[in-house]
Amino acid sequence: MSDLKEEEYCPLCGTPLESLSGGRVTCPECSFSFMEQDGVLVFDFRDLEYRMEFDGDFIEAMKKAQEKGLSGTDRLLSDLFGSRFSIGNGELRKLDLEAPSEILSRDDLVFSSFSRLKGRIAGTMLILIRPESLRKLAVLKGRREGKGEEKVGEVERNLMLELGSEITGSVCERFAREFETRVDMTPPLLVIDMSSAIFNYIFSEFSQVEDEVDYYFVELVSDSDVSIELMFFPHPSTKSVFVSSLDNVDL
């Protein structure tokens, strides 16, 4: 991989990576292994190799989206569903580590973003957007920006990544503001086997938990054509603070 800068992060768990050069990079936190080849991210997961084309600095894109706040994304979602997406109407659930597929049945490709929260409330947040959902929003966004149908098709993927970054930034901004915590945003990631990815992440992050893990789940948007979901895994050390905060938060 070309020279990694200090501000670059693991695309799976968000752990900062030290300056390295050449060859494959393995994250010291989650053991995620990847490399860059001519603008294509090549990574291994469970003995399978996946390739994801990418361009630009997505961490910077999400920081800009966070600075912009909620206006653009909320207007887009408001026109589609009549209201802004909500974070405060979720519920606490338990993930059974012995049968995760019963809860996380993700058989298709899922666009996701991992964001670490630090401060008064710590943990990791996942935003899950099915590709068909993001594609529909991307087409609408492209039309709003004056792109014809053919032009939207040409730049659809970039629009999807941009929109995913905006949604991530908006959600992170709300968490940071309402829970008085800091959010370290990470690049959007296209994951094929989401249930296995989350399962693998939970074991690496919460190794002290043997049977089940508490998490906060909310459908940010639920429509016949569009689904955007959020899962937040509070760190055990701040879980009680997070749970007590839910009663006083209006996101």
C-alpha atoms as a PDB file:
ATOM      1  CA  MET A   1       0.000   0.000   0.000  1.00  0.00           C
ATOM      2  CA  SER A   2       1.225   3.506  -0.706  1.00  0.00           C
ATOM      3  CA  ASP A   3       2.437   5.595   2.213  1.00  0.00           C
ATOM      4  CA  LEU A   4      -0.164   5.696   4.953  1.00  0.00           C
ATOM      5  CA  LYS A   5      -0.538   9.012   6.725  1.00  0.00           C
ATOM      6  CA  GLU A   6      -1.035   9.200  10.453  1.00  0.00           C
ATOM      7  CA  GLU A   7      -4.667  10.282  10.058  1.00  0.00           C
ATOM      8  CA  GLU A   8      -5.651   7.210   8.043  1.00  0.00           C
ATOM      9  CA  TYR A   9      -7.822   4.561   9.649  1.00  0.00           C
ATOM     10  CA  CYS A  10      -8.712   0.914   9.300  1.00  0.00           C
ATOM     11  CA  PRO A  11     -11.727   0.794   6.942  1.00  0.00           C
ATOM     12  CA  LEU A  12     -13.440  -1.835   9.108  1.00  0.00           C
ATOM     13  CA  CYS A  13     -13.090  -0.751  12.746  1.00  0.00           C
ATOM     14  CA  GLY A  14     -11.674   2.777  12.468  1.00  0.00           C
ATOM     15  CA  THR A  15      -8.440   2.161  14.387  1.00  0.00           C
ATOM     16  CA  PRO A  16      -5.761   4.749  13.476  1.00  0.00           C
ATOM     17  CA  LEU A  17      -2.958   3.205  11.426  1.00  0.00           C
ATOM     18  CA  GLU A  18       0.668   4.103  11.868  1.00  0.00           C
ATOM     19  CA  SER A  19       2.750   5.274   8.925  1.00  0.00           C
ATOM     20  CA  LEU A  20       3.585   2.246   6.837  1.00  0.00           C
ATOM     21  CA  SER A  21       4.610   1.759   3.242  1.00  0.00           C
ATOM     22  CA  GLY A  22       4.395  -1.035   0.739  1.00  0.00           C
ATOM     23  CA  GLY A  23       2.484  -4.309   0.689  1.00  0.00           C
ATOM     24  CA  ARG A  24      -0.493  -5.387   2.738  1.00  0.00           C
ATOM     25  CA  VAL A  25      -1.564  -3.631   5.942  1.00  0.00           C
ATOM     26  CA  THR A  26      -3.094  -5.494   8.889  1.00  0.00           C
ATOM     27  CA  CYS A  27      -5.041  -3.563  11.503  1.00  0.00           C
ATOM     28  CA  PRO A  28      -3.627  -4.198  15.012  1.00  0.00           C
ATOM     29  CA  GLU A  29      -7.107  -3.913  16.533  1.00  0.00           C
ATOM     30  CA  CYS A  30      -9.347  -6.167  14.442  1.00  0.00           C
ATOM     31  CA  SER A  31      -6.766  -7.970  12.233  1.00  0.00           C
ATOM     32  CA  PHE A  32      -8.516  -6.690   9.102  1.00  0.00           C
ATOM     33  CA  SER A  33      -6.026  -7.083   6.228  1.00  0.00           C
ATOM     34  CA  PHE A  34      -6.082  -4.886   3.143  1.00  0.00           C
ATOM     35  CA  MET A  35      -4.013  -3.119   0.497  1.00  0.00           C
ATOM     36  CA  GLU A  36      -4.444  -0.520  -2.223  1.00  0.00           C
ATOM     37  CA  GLN A  37      -3.885  -1.383  -5.871  1.00  0.00           C
ATOM     38  CA  ASP A  38      -4.334   1.413  -8.411  1.00  0.00           C
ATOM     39  CA  GLY A  39      -7.287   3.002  -6.655  1.00  0.00           C
ATOM     40  CA  VAL A  40      -8.884  -0.297  -5.663  1.00  0.00           C
ATOM     41  CA  LEU A  41      -9.121  -1.408  -2.054  1.00  0.00           C
ATOM     42  CA  VAL A  42      -8.359  -5.132  -1.873  1.00  0.00           C
ATOM     43  CA  PHE A  43      -9.179  -6.806   1.414  1.00  0.00           C
ATOM     44  CA  ASP A  44      -9.474 -10.278   2.884  1.00  0.00           C
ATOM     45  CA  PHE A  45     -12.301 -11.464   5.070  1.00  0.00           C
ATOM     46  CA  ARG A  46     -12.777 -15.052   6.185  1.00  0.00           C
ATOM     47  CA  ASP A  47     -10.443 -16.399   3.497  1.00  0.00           C
ATOM     48  CA  LEU A  48     -12.270 -14.531   0.724  1.00  0.00           C
ATOM     49  CA  GLU A  49     -10.927 -11.590  -1.240  1.00  0.00           C
ATOM     50  CA  TYR A  50     -13.091  -8.591  -2.048  1.00  0.00           C
ATOM     51  CA  ARG A  51     -12.327  -5.523  -4.142  1.00  0.00           C
ATOM     52  CA  MET A  52     -13.830  -2.073  -3.697  1.00  0.00           C
ATOM     53  CA  GLU A  53     -13.116   0.834  -5.997  1.00  0.00           C
ATOM     54  CA  PHE A  54     -12.790   4.096  -4.128  1.00  0.00           C
ATOM     55  CA  ASP A  55     -11.718   7.657  -4.616  1.00  0.00           C
ATOM     56  CA  GLY A  56     -11.237  10.664  -2.382  1.00  0.00           C
ATOM     57  CA  ASP A  57     -10.788  11.019   1.345  1.00  0.00           C
ATOM     58  CA  PHE A  58     -14.020   9.715   2.872  1.00  0.00           C
ATOM     59  CA  ILE A  59     -12.990  10.634   6.406  1.00  0.00           C
ATOM     60  CA  GLU A  60     -12.645  14.235   5.274  1.00  0.00           C
ATOM     61  CA  ALA A  61     -15.948  13.980   3.403  1.00  0.00           C
ATOM     62  CA  MET A  62     -17.744  12.866   6.547  1.00  0.00           C
ATOM     63  CA  LYS A  63     -16.114  15.610   8.593  1.00  0.00           C
ATOM     64  CA  LYS A  64     -17.413  18.130   6.071  1.00  0.00           C
ATOM     65  CA  ALA A  65     -20.839  16.508   6.199  1.00  0.00           C
ATOM     66  CA  GLN A  66     -20.770  16.741   9.975  1.00  0.00           C
ATOM     67  CA  GLU A  67     -19.847  20.424   9.782  1.00  0.00           C
ATOM     68  CA  LYS A  68     -22.688  21.024   7.318  1.00  0.00           C
ATOM     69  CA  GLY A  69     -25.081  19.547   9.834  1.00  0.00           C
ATOM     70  CA  LEU A  70     -28.397  18.009   8.930  1.00  0.00           C
ATOM     71  CA  SER A  71     -29.926  20.386   6.397  1.00  0.00           C
ATOM     72  CA  GLY A  72     -29.145  18.703   3.077  1.00  0.00           C
ATOM     73  CA  THR A  73     -29.792  15.117   4.121  1.00  0.00           C
ATOM     74  CA  ASP A  74     -32.872  16.019   6.137  1.00  0.00           C
ATOM     75  CA  ARG A  75     -34.398  17.922   3.228  1.00  0.00           C
ATOM     76  CA  LEU A  76     -33.840  14.953   0.961  1.00  0.00           C
ATOM     77  CA  LEU A  77     -35.376  12.476   3.402  1.00  0.00           C
ATOM     78  CA  SER A  78     -38.177  14.872   4.296  1.00  0.00           C
ATOM     79  CA  ASP A  79     -39.294  15.098   0.692  1.00  0.00           C
ATOM     80  CA  LEU A  80     -39.314  11.311   0.429  1.00  0.00           C
ATOM     81  CA  PHE A  81     -40.906  10.406   3.752  1.00  0.00           C
ATOM     82  CA  GLY A  82     -42.510  13.587   5.070  1.00  0.00           C
ATOM     83  CA  SER A  83     -40.216  13.993   8.065  1.00  0.00           C
ATOM     84  CA  ARG A  84     -36.608  13.907   9.156  1.00  0.00           C
ATOM     85  CA  PHE A  85     -35.154  10.606  10.205  1.00  0.00           C
ATOM     86  CA  SER A  86     -35.157  10.061  13.943  1.00  0.00           C
ATOM     87  CA  ILE A  87     -32.553   8.519  16.213  1.00  0.00           C
ATOM     88  CA  GLY A  88     -34.537   8.709  19.426  1.00  0.00           C
ATOM     89  CA  ASN A  89     -37.253   6.162  18.659  1.00  0.00           C
ATOM     90  CA  GLY A  90     -35.087   3.062  18.895  1.00  0.00           C
ATOM     91  CA  GLU A  91     -34.909   0.286  21.426  1.00  0.00           C
ATOM     92  CA  LEU A  92     -32.326  -1.608  23.418  1.00  0.00           C
ATOM     93  CA  ARG A  93     -31.806  -5.160  22.225  1.00  0.00           C
ATOM     94  CA  LYS A  94     -29.606  -8.092  23.084  1.00  0.00           C
ATOM     95  CA  LEU A  95     -27.436  -9.876  20.551  1.00  0.00           C
ATOM     96  CA  ASP A  96     -27.114 -13.578  21.251  1.00  0.00           C
ATOM     97  CA  LEU A  97     -23.546 -14.454  20.315  1.00  0.00           C
ATOM     98  CA  GLU A  98     -24.508 -18.089  19.910  1.00  0.00           C
ATOM     99  CA  ALA A  99     -27.130 -17.335  17.257  1.00  0.00           C
ATOM    100  CA  PRO A 100     -26.329 -13.962  15.661  1.00  0.00           C
ATOM    101  CA  SER A 101     -27.859 -14.849  12.301  1.00  0.00           C
ATOM    102  CA  GLU A 102     -31.329 -14.864  13.846  1.00  0.00           C
ATOM    103  CA  ILE A 103     -30.961 -11.158  14.541  1.00  0.00           C
ATOM    104  CA  LEU A 104     -28.550 -10.073  11.816  1.00  0.00           C
ATOM    105  CA  SER A 105     -29.786 -11.843   8.705  1.00  0.00           C
ATOM    106  CA  ARG A 106     -27.878  -9.852   6.100  1.00  0.00           C
ATOM    107  CA  ASP A 107     -27.633 -11.965   2.999  1.00  0.00           C
ATOM    108  CA  ASP A 108     -27.061  -9.174   0.494  1.00  0.00           C
ATOM    109  CA  LEU A 109     -24.466  -6.472   0.049  1.00  0.00           C
ATOM    110  CA  VAL A 110     -24.823  -3.716   2.647  1.00  0.00           C
ATOM    111  CA  PHE A 111     -23.328  -0.238   2.643  1.00  0.00           C
ATOM    112  CA  SER A 112     -22.080   0.467   6.145  1.00  0.00           C
ATOM    113  CA  SER A 113     -20.113   2.870   8.267  1.00  0.00           C
ATOM    114  CA  PHE A 114     -18.353   2.156  11.541  1.00  0.00           C
ATOM    115  CA  SER A 115     -17.898   5.143  13.868  1.00  0.00           C
ATOM    116  CA  ARG A 116     -16.231   5.062  17.260  1.00  0.00           C
ATOM    117  CA  LEU A 117     -17.610   7.195  20.072  1.00  0.00           C
ATOM    118  CA  LYS A 118     -15.348   8.468  22.826  1.00  0.00           C
ATOM    119  CA  GLY A 119     -15.983  10.622  25.867  1.00  0.00           C
ATOM    120  CA  ARG A 120     -18.808  10.445  28.384  1.00  0.00           C
ATOM    121  CA  ILE A 121     -20.384   7.680  26.299  1.00  0.00           C
ATOM    122  CA  ALA A 122     -18.130   5.265  24.447  1.00  0.00           C
ATOM    123  CA  GLY A 123     -18.893   2.556  21.955  1.00  0.00           C
ATOM    124  CA  THR A 124     -19.194   1.873  18.248  1.00  0.00           C
ATOM    125  CA  MET A 125     -21.964   2.899  15.894  1.00  0.00           C
ATOM    126  CA  LEU A 126     -22.888   1.147  12.648  1.00  0.00           C
ATOM    127  CA  ILE A 127     -25.078   2.697   9.974  1.00  0.00           C
ATOM    128  CA  LEU A 128     -26.529   0.118   7.592  1.00  0.00           C
ATOM    129  CA  ILE A 129     -27.957   1.087   4.216  1.00  0.00           C
ATOM    130  CA  ARG A 130     -28.968  -1.486   1.644  1.00  0.00           C
ATOM    131  CA  PRO A 131     -27.547  -0.629  -1.793  1.00  0.00           C
ATOM    132  CA  GLU A 132     -30.965  -0.383  -3.431  1.00  0.00           C
ATOM    133  CA  SER A 133     -31.988   2.143  -0.779  1.00  0.00           C
ATOM    134  CA  LEU A 134     -28.900   4.266  -1.289  1.00  0.00           C
ATOM    135  CA  ARG A 135     -29.272   3.978  -5.053  1.00  0.00           C
ATOM    136  CA  LYS A 136     -32.795   5.399  -4.942  1.00  0.00           C
ATOM    137  CA  LEU A 137     -31.659   8.329  -2.817  1.00  0.00           C
ATOM    138  CA  ALA A 138     -28.622   8.864  -5.058  1.00  0.00           C
ATOM    139  CA  VAL A 139     -30.799   9.097  -8.165  1.00  0.00           C
ATOM    140  CA  LEU A 140     -33.017  11.702  -6.501  1.00  0.00           C
ATOM    141  CA  LYS A 141     -29.977  13.617  -5.273  1.00  0.00           C
ATOM    142  CA  GLY A 142     -28.477  13.557  -8.764  1.00  0.00           C
ATOM    143  CA  ARG A 143     -31.660  14.874 -10.343  1.00  0.00           C
ATOM    144  CA  ARG A 144     -31.775  17.670  -7.785  1.00  0.00           C
ATOM    145  CA  GLU A 145     -28.271  18.651  -8.822  1.00  0.00           C
ATOM    146  CA  GLY A 146     -29.331  18.919 -12.444  1.00  0.00           C
ATOM    147  CA  LYS A 147     -27.949  15.611 -13.660  1.00  0.00           C
ATOM    148  CA  GLY A 148     -29.950  13.834 -16.350  1.00  0.00           C
ATOM    149  CA  GLU A 149     -30.848  10.150 -16.130  1.00  0.00           C
ATOM    150  CA  GLU A 150     -27.768   9.073 -18.083  1.00  0.00           C
ATOM    151  CA  LYS A 151     -25.507  11.372 -16.075  1.00  0.00           C
ATOM    152  CA  VAL A 152     -26.908  10.006 -12.824  1.00  0.00           C
ATOM    153  CA  GLY A 153     -26.057   6.490 -14.011  1.00  0.00           C
ATOM    154  CA  GLU A 154     -22.485   7.521 -14.733  1.00  0.00           C
ATOM    155  CA  VAL A 155     -21.903   9.047 -11.312  1.00  0.00           C
ATOM    156  CA  GLU A 156     -24.343   6.910  -9.321  1.00  0.00           C
ATOM    157  CA  ARG A 157     -21.633   5.193  -7.323  1.00  0.00           C
ATOM    158  CA  ASN A 158     -19.974   8.460  -6.327  1.00  0.00           C
ATOM    159  CA  LEU A 159     -23.373   9.857  -5.366  1.00  0.00           C
ATOM    160  CA  MET A 160     -24.021   6.789  -3.222  1.00  0.00           C
ATOM    161  CA  LEU A 161     -20.727   7.213  -1.387  1.00  0.00           C
ATOM    162  CA  GLU A 162     -21.300  10.933  -0.968  1.00  0.00           C
ATOM    163  CA  LEU A 163     -24.822  10.403   0.338  1.00  0.00           C
ATOM    164  CA  GLY A 164     -23.675   7.663   2.676  1.00  0.00           C
ATOM    165  CA  SER A 165     -21.069  10.065   4.046  1.00  0.00           C
ATOM    166  CA  GLU A 166     -23.680  12.786   4.534  1.00  0.00           C
ATOM    167  CA  ILE A 167     -26.037  10.456   6.391  1.00  0.00           C
ATOM    168  CA  THR A 168     -23.184   9.227   8.563  1.00  0.00           C
ATOM    169  CA  GLY A 169     -22.097  12.780   9.326  1.00  0.00           C
ATOM    170  CA  SER A 170     -25.630  13.806  10.239  1.00  0.00           C
ATOM    171  CA  VAL A 171     -26.158  10.890  12.594  1.00  0.00           C
ATOM    172  CA  CYS A 172     -22.731  11.338  14.205  1.00  0.00           C
ATOM    173  CA  GLU A 173     -23.423  15.035  14.698  1.00  0.00           C
ATOM    174  CA  ARG A 174     -26.619  14.246  16.608  1.00  0.00           C
ATOM    175  CA  PHE A 175     -24.949  11.682  18.810  1.00  0.00           C
ATOM    176  CA  ALA A 176     -22.048  14.000  19.580  1.00  0.00           C
ATOM    177  CA  ARG A 177     -24.351  16.885  20.456  1.00  0.00           C
ATOM    178  CA  GLU A 178     -26.994  15.060  22.468  1.00  0.00           C
ATOM    179  CA  PHE A 179     -24.743  12.645  24.343  1.00  0.00           C
ATOM    180  CA  GLU A 180     -21.881  15.112  24.866  1.00  0.00           C
ATOM    181  CA  THR A 181     -19.349  12.745  23.393  1.00  0.00           C
ATOM    182  CA  ARG A 182     -16.777  12.745  20.603  1.00  0.00           C
ATOM    183  CA  VAL A 183     -17.238  10.755  17.411  1.00  0.00           C
ATOM    184  CA  ASP A 184     -14.337   9.437  15.341  1.00  0.00           C
ATOM    185  CA  MET A 185     -15.890   8.872  11.940  1.00  0.00           C
ATOM    186  CA  THR A 186     -14.541   6.252   9.575  1.00  0.00           C
ATOM    187  CA  PRO A 187     -14.869   5.764   5.810  1.00  0.00           C
ATOM    188  CA  PRO A 188     -18.017   4.149   4.402  1.00  0.00           C
ATOM    189  CA  LEU A 189     -17.447   0.499   3.581  1.00  0.00           C
ATOM    190  CA  LEU A 190     -19.167  -1.908   1.220  1.00  0.00           C
ATOM    191  CA  VAL A 191     -19.511  -5.218   3.066  1.00  0.00           C
ATOM    192  CA  ILE A 192     -20.801  -8.415   1.465  1.00  0.00           C
ATOM    193  CA  ASP A 193     -21.272 -10.571   4.555  1.00  0.00           C
ATOM    194  CA  MET A 194     -22.544  -8.070   7.096  1.00  0.00           C
ATOM    195  CA  SER A 195     -23.697 -10.560   9.730  1.00  0.00           C
ATOM    196  CA  SER A 196     -20.247 -12.162   9.830  1.00  0.00           C
ATOM    197  CA  ALA A 197     -18.533  -8.767   9.844  1.00  0.00           C
ATOM    198  CA  ILE A 198     -20.562  -7.545  12.823  1.00  0.00           C
ATOM    199  CA  PHE A 199     -20.160 -10.864  14.588  1.00  0.00           C
ATOM    200  CA  ASN A 200     -16.386 -10.715  14.074  1.00  0.00           C
ATOM    201  CA  TYR A 201     -16.277  -7.112  15.251  1.00  0.00           C
ATOM    202  CA  ILE A 202     -18.239  -7.848  18.440  1.00  0.00           C
ATOM    203  CA  PHE A 203     -15.900 -10.643  19.465  1.00  0.00           C
ATOM    204  CA  SER A 204     -12.850  -8.419  18.961  1.00  0.00           C
ATOM    205  CA  GLU A 205     -14.403  -5.441  20.743  1.00  0.00           C
ATOM    206  CA  PHE A 206     -16.297  -7.151  23.553  1.00  0.00           C
ATOM    207  CA  SER A 207     -14.196 -10.222  24.224  1.00  0.00           C
ATOM    208  CA  GLN A 208     -15.115 -10.106  27.910  1.00  0.00           C
ATOM    209  CA  VAL A 209     -18.780 -10.755  27.064  1.00  0.00           C
ATOM    210  CA  GLU A 210     -19.534 -14.456  26.784  1.00  0.00           C
ATOM    211  CA  ASP A 211     -23.191 -14.898  25.877  1.00  0.00           C
ATOM    212  CA  GLU A 212     -24.821 -11.693  24.705  1.00  0.00           C
ATOM    213  CA  VAL A 213     -24.160  -8.043  23.945  1.00  0.00           C
ATOM    214  CA  ASP A 214     -26.502  -5.101  24.500  1.00  0.00           C
ATOM    215  CA  TYR A 215     -27.004  -2.735  21.583  1.00  0.00           C
ATOM    216  CA  TYR A 216     -29.279   0.133  20.594  1.00  0.00           C
ATOM    217  CA  PHE A 217     -31.230  -0.370  17.369  1.00  0.00           C
ATOM    218  CA  VAL A 218     -33.279   2.172  15.447  1.00  0.00           C
ATOM    219  CA  GLU A 219     -34.762   2.325  11.969  1.00  0.00           C
ATOM    220  CA  LEU A 220     -33.722   5.771  10.800  1.00  0.00           C
ATOM    221  CA  VAL A 221     -35.864   5.311   7.713  1.00  0.00           C
ATOM    222  CA  SER A 222     -38.200   2.412   7.011  1.00  0.00           C
ATOM    223  CA  ASP A 223     -40.089   2.450   3.738  1.00  0.00           C
ATOM    224  CA  SER A 224     -41.097  -0.123   1.167  1.00  0.00           C
ATOM    225  CA  ASP A 225     -38.144   0.952  -0.986  1.00  0.00           C
ATOM    226  CA  VAL A 226     -35.681   2.503   1.442  1.00  0.00           C
ATOM    227  CA  SER A 227     -34.190   1.140   4.639  1.00  0.00           C
ATOM    228  CA  ILE A 228     -31.581   2.912   6.781  1.00  0.00           C
ATOM    229  CA  GLU A 229     -30.757   1.381  10.154  1.00  0.00           C
ATOM    230  CA  LEU A 230     -28.477   2.231  13.045  1.00  0.00           C
ATOM    231  CA  MET A 231     -26.876  -0.087  15.580  1.00  0.00           C
ATOM    232  CA  PHE A 232     -24.930   1.333  18.515  1.00  0.00           C
ATOM    233  CA  PHE A 233     -22.896  -0.958  20.766  1.00  0.00           C
ATOM    234  CA  PRO A 234     -22.171   0.968  24.000  1.00  0.00           C
ATOM    235  CA  HIS A 235     -18.972   0.012  25.741  1.00  0.00           C
ATOM    236  CA  PRO A 236     -19.728  -1.860  28.996  1.00  0.00           C
ATOM    237  CA  SER A 237     -17.973   0.854  31.020  1.00  0.00           C
ATOM    238  CA  THR A 238     -20.417   3.539  29.847  1.00  0.00           C
ATOM    239  CA  LYS A 239     -23.508   1.453  29.082  1.00  0.00           C
ATOM    240  CA  SER A 240     -25.399   2.573  32.194  1.00  0.00           C
ATOM    241  CA  VAL A 241     -24.733   6.228  31.337  1.00  0.00           C
ATOM    242  CA  PHE A 242     -26.026   5.691  27.811  1.00  0.00           C
ATOM    243  CA  VAL A 243     -29.181   3.895  28.967  1.00  0.00           C
ATOM    244  CA  SER A 244     -30.014   6.595  31.505  1.00  0.00           C
ATOM    245  CA  SER A 245     -29.417   9.278  28.866  1.00  0.00           C
ATOM    246  CA  LEU A 246     -32.016   7.811  26.518  1.00  0.00           C
ATOM    247  CA  ASP A 247     -34.866   9.082  28.694  1.00  0.00           C
ATOM    248  CA  ASN A 248     -33.695  12.667  28.288  1.00  0.00           C
ATOM    249  CA  VAL A 249     -32.657  12.654  24.652  1.00  0.00           C
ATOM    250  CA  ASP A 250     -34.814  13.895  21.807  1.00  0.00           C
ATOM    251  CA  LEU A 251     -32.866  13.199  18.646  1.00  0.00           C
END
